[in-house]
Amino acid sequence: MEMGVSIQDAADELLDTKIFKAAAERNGDNFAIKLALWIVRYILVICSMKQTLNISLDSILSRLHGEDNFKRIFEITENMFCKVFEQLNKKC
């Protein structure tokens, strides 16, 4: 995210993407707005931790979620993305 971009502007940019438009269709506008704002906050926290602690993204996520939760989140999302890539006939 570019310096000087407001949290609201960043959230608005997210809301303008296909994935957030689909989320709003399925879950309502209020849900999509709250999710966009949380994602922007999450990004800012992660960037701040990276800058302050100078540690890897995996270490940051592990600290935020706990090691076991981080591993589980990674496994679930990795499996989902691999299935999508397989459907597209691409390597995971």
Protein backbone atom coordinates (compact mmCIF):
# COMPACT_ATOMS: atom_id res chain seq x y z
CA MET A 1 0.00 0.00 0.00
CA GLU A 2 1.27 3.39 -0.99
CA MET A 3 2.14 5.85 1.78
CA GLY A 4 -0.54 8.45 2.26
CA VAL A 5 -3.40 6.17 1.21
CA SER A 6 -6.20 6.32 3.75
CA ILE A 7 -7.65 3.21 5.33
CA GLN A 8 -11.00 4.07 3.76
CA ASP A 9 -9.46 4.47 0.29
CA ALA A 10 -7.71 1.12 0.63
CA ALA A 11 -10.96 -0.54 1.75
CA ASP A 12 -12.83 1.07 -1.15
CA GLU A 13 -10.24 -0.32 -3.58
CA LEU A 14 -10.74 -3.80 -2.11
CA LEU A 15 -14.51 -3.46 -2.36
CA ASP A 16 -14.12 -2.69 -6.04
CA THR A 17 -12.51 -6.08 -6.76
CA LYS A 18 -14.39 -9.08 -8.15
CA ILE A 19 -13.79 -11.17 -5.04
CA PHE A 20 -15.33 -8.53 -2.74
CA LYS A 21 -18.23 -7.91 -5.09
CA ALA A 22 -18.93 -11.66 -4.98
CA ALA A 23 -18.61 -11.65 -1.18
CA ALA A 24 -21.09 -8.77 -0.98
CA GLU A 25 -23.53 -10.62 -3.23
CA ARG A 26 -23.37 -13.76 -1.10
CA ASN A 27 -23.08 -12.18 2.35
CA GLY A 28 -24.36 -8.64 2.06
CA ASP A 29 -22.73 -5.25 1.65
CA ASN A 30 -22.24 -4.71 5.38
CA PHE A 31 -20.25 -7.95 5.68
CA ALA A 32 -18.03 -7.04 2.69
CA ILE A 33 -17.37 -3.55 4.08
CA LYS A 34 -16.41 -4.88 7.51
CA LEU A 35 -14.21 -7.56 5.95
CA ALA A 36 -12.41 -5.00 3.76
CA LEU A 37 -11.72 -2.77 6.75
CA TRP A 38 -10.43 -5.72 8.80
CA ILE A 39 -8.16 -6.83 5.97
CA VAL A 40 -6.69 -3.33 5.66
CA ARG A 41 -6.10 -3.24 9.43
CA TYR A 42 -4.55 -6.70 9.28
CA ILE A 43 -2.20 -5.61 6.49
CA LEU A 44 -1.15 -2.54 8.48
CA VAL A 45 -0.43 -4.63 11.59
CA ILE A 46 1.61 -7.13 9.59
CA CYS A 47 3.59 -4.37 7.86
CA SER A 48 4.23 -2.69 11.21
CA MET A 49 5.43 -5.98 12.72
CA LYS A 50 7.71 -6.59 9.73
CA GLN A 51 9.20 -3.12 10.00
CA THR A 52 9.59 -3.18 13.77
CA LEU A 53 10.69 -6.78 14.33
CA ASN A 54 12.32 -7.44 10.95
CA ILE A 55 10.99 -11.01 10.82
CA SER A 56 9.54 -13.16 8.03
CA LEU A 57 5.89 -13.15 7.06
CA ASP A 58 5.52 -16.74 8.28
CA SER A 59 6.89 -15.72 11.69
CA ILE A 60 4.51 -12.77 11.87
CA LEU A 61 1.49 -14.90 10.99
CA SER A 62 2.57 -17.56 13.46
CA ARG A 63 2.84 -14.96 16.22
CA LEU A 64 -0.54 -13.44 15.37
CA HIS A 65 -2.45 -16.72 15.12
CA GLY A 66 -0.37 -19.12 17.18
CA GLU A 67 1.77 -21.84 15.61
CA ASP A 68 -0.93 -24.55 15.50
CA ASN A 69 -3.61 -22.25 14.09
CA PHE A 70 -1.21 -20.83 11.52
CA LYS A 71 -0.28 -24.34 10.33
CA ARG A 72 -3.95 -25.33 10.11
CA ILE A 73 -4.92 -22.17 8.21
CA PHE A 74 -2.03 -22.76 5.81
CA GLU A 75 -2.99 -26.41 5.26
CA ILE A 76 -6.65 -25.58 4.57
CA THR A 77 -5.90 -22.73 2.19
CA GLU A 78 -3.12 -24.65 0.45
CA ASN A 79 -5.47 -27.58 -0.18
CA MET A 80 -8.17 -25.26 -1.55
CA PHE A 81 -5.76 -23.49 -3.90
CA CYS A 82 -4.26 -26.78 -5.08
CA LYS A 83 -7.74 -28.05 -5.99
CA VAL A 84 -8.44 -24.88 -7.96
CA PHE A 85 -5.10 -25.12 -9.78
CA GLU A 86 -5.75 -28.78 -10.57
CA GLN A 87 -9.11 -27.85 -12.07
CA LEU A 88 -7.32 -25.32 -14.23
CA ASN A 89 -4.79 -28.02 -15.22
CA LYS A 90 -1.94 -26.15 -13.60
CA LYS A 91 0.64 -27.39 -11.11
CA CYS A 92 0.21 -26.53 -7.49
